[in-house]
Amino acid sequence: MDGSQVVKKTVAEHIVTFLERRDVRHVFGLCGHTNIAVLAALADSPIDFVTVRHEQIASHAADAYARVQGRASVVLSHLSPGLTNCATGVANAALDCIPMVVIAGDIPTHYYGKHPHQEVNLHADAAQWEIYRPFVKRAWRVDRADLMAEILEKAFHLAESGQPGPVLVNVPMDIFSQHIASDSFDRVARNTRTLTKPSIDDETAKKIVETLAQAENPVAYVGGGILLAQASNDLRDFVDHMGLAVAHSLMGKGALRDDHPLVMGMTGFWGTQLVNQSCLKSDAIFAVGTRFKEADCSSWYPGYTFNIGEKDNSAKVIHIDIEPQEIGRNYPTDIGVVADAKAALRVLNRVARELYPDGFDRPEKIAEIASFREAFKASNAQMQSSAAFPMMPERILADTRKALPDDAIITTDVGWNKNGVGQQFDILTPGSILTPGGFATMGFGPPAAIGAKLAAPDRVVISLVGDGGFGQNPSMLTTAVELNLGIVWLVMNNNAFGTIAGLQKAHYGLTYGTTFPGSPDTPTNGPGYAEIARAYGAEGQRISSADELLPALQAAIASGKPTVLDVPMINNPTPTTGHWNILDIYSPDKNISHVST
C-alpha cells in the first residue's frame, strides 16, 4: 500500500475503529489516567461506553451481555486497582466459558522497573498482565504499537473459539497514544470474522445413535455448552426423535423449556428424586456440553446421582464437548467426541433419521415425568400460596413466574435465588436464565441485569438476588438510572447469608458471622434497600405482606423504570436429595444435612 493512502491515527483511535468493524455496540468500564485516550476516541463513535462506579459491575454486566448476544463483550479497565476490581467478574466469566475481551491500561513502557504511580511490581517489573494468567484463556502485554491489530484480532478469535472465555489485552498508556499507520488494521479487516467449529463424522454419529437406540434407559445430560453453542433447537429435535429423558446441570438450566415432556430437571445436590434416580438407573448417558461438576454430581459420590465407572454394569457415557480436557475428567467415557454441540447435533439428527426414521417412543418415561411434576407441584402448593410473612421463598418464586412473560431474562445470584430457581422455577425460553455457575459469585446478579437489558432492550429483565448479593455493589443502580434501564431487582431478604447460615447452624449450632443484626426470621433491622434505591434515583418499594408482591411486581414491570422490590423472606432451606462432600468434612460419620432441623 502506498504511504499516501495509509491513514495515521493514534493506537486508541485504531482500536475504536477495529471494534466498530466488529459491530461492537457497548464497551463496559471505568475511567483512569491510563485509558482516557481510548475514551476520547470513543467519544465520537457509535459505540456506547457504559460507565460504572466499580469495575466488578463492568465485568459482570459484560458477562451477561455476552451471554445474551452470543459473542464476545468488551471491558475497558484502568491499571492495578481497576484491573483487580474487575478480576472477580472476569474470573466468573472464565469459569462459565463466557467470551470477553478485556482491554486494560498499564504504566508507560519507559517507566518499567521504576515503580511509577499505581504499578504492581513488588516481585516483578511490568508484570500487571500476569495477574489474570490463572483464569483468562490468554493474556497479552502489548509492547509495540504495530502489533496491536494482530493481538486484538487474535484476542477476539480466541475468546469466541473452542471453549469460549475471557482474554486480556494489556496496553501501556504510551502505546495507546502512539500514532501509527492503518495498514496493520486494514490487513486484519480482511480476515474472517469467525472460525468454523469442529463437527463429527457419520461413522461416529452412527455409533452414538446405535448405542442410544440399544439402551434400555438412555438419558441425555446437558450443560451450558448447549446454550453457548445456541443448540437448543437441535437438542430438542434429537431428544424428541430418540425419546431421551433430559437431565441438566445448573448451567444447563433452560437448554430446553422446563415444560418439555422429556425434561426431568437439574441433577446433583439440589436435584429432585426423579432426576437423580433416573440418572442412577440409566445404562447410557448422552452428555453434551457439560463438565460433570461437583454440585451437579453429588460430589461424585456413588449412589446419589450417577452410576458411572463403579461396576461392570455401569452406565456407558457418550461425552461431546468442544474442550478435550473436559472429556473423561471426572468419569470414564466410552465414546468421547471433541466437537461443537450444535454442529455435532446437526449430524446426529440426520444420521438418527436415516437409521431409525420412525424414531423412539417412551410413553412410560413421559408419564413418569408428568406424574412426578404433578406430585412435586402439589407438595409445594402450600408453600407457594402461603400468606406467611416474611414470605416463603416458594411463594416469591411462584408469584415471580406468574408476573413474567415467557421470554423474560432472569439473572440469579447465590442461595435460594440460584438453587431454588434451578430446582423449581420454570424457564420457558432457552437461554433466558443467567446464573453464576463455576465461580458462584455473590453479587453477579444485579449488575448482570444491566448487561442483559442492554443486549435485549425489548425484553423484561429481572434480577432475583439475596440481600447479601444485592449489598455487594448497589452502586450499579446509578448506571441503570443514568441509562433509564427498566430492570426489576427482587431482593429475597432473609437478613443473612442464608445458605451458609443454614450450614453453620446444622453443623456447629450457631450462626456467627453468617446472619446480620436482628433475627433471620424477622429481617427488619437490615438496610432499607427500597430507600437506597430511591436515593440513587430508582423506584423502591418494601413489601409488607405476601399478597402485596405479585401486584407490586406487575406494576414495576409495567412502569419500565429501574425498580427495587425489598421482599422479607423466611430462611427456609432449598430441599435436596443429592449429597455434598462438605457435609462429611464438617460432621464426619454423622448424617447431618445442610440445614438445621
Foldseek 3Di string as FASTA:
>chain_A
DDPVPWDKDFLLLLVLVLCVLLVAAEEEEADDPLCVLNVVSCPPPNHYYQHFDWLCLRLLLQQLLQLQQLFEHEYEFEFARRCVRNQVSQQLQQLLLGFYEYEYEDAAPVCWPVPDPRDDDPPHTPCRQVVNVVRFPEEDEDPALLCVLVVVLVQRAQQLDQRHGYYYYYYYSVSRGDIDTCVSNVVCSPPDSYDDWFADDLVLLLVQLVVLLPWPQEAEEEALLLSSLVQLVLVVLLCVQQVHQYEYALRCAQSAWCPDLRYQFAAAFLADPVQQVSQQPTQEYEYEADQCDCRSCLNVDPPGRAQAPPDPSGHAYAYEGLDPCSACVRGDHDHYHNTRRNNHSVSSSVSNCVVPVRGDHDVVSSVVSVVVVVVVCVVCVCLLPPFDPLHAVNVVLNLVLVQFDLQEAEEEADFCRRSVCRHDHTRRHHSRYHYSPRSSHQQSQPSNQVSNCVSPVVHAYEYEYEPRSCVPCVSSLLSCQVVQALYEYEYAYLQFLQLQQFQCCQQPVGRPPTGHPDHSQHPDPDDQVQVVSVVSVFGEDEDDTSVPPNVVSNVSRVVSGYYYYYRYYRSDHSDTRGHHCVVCVRPNPDDIDSGHD
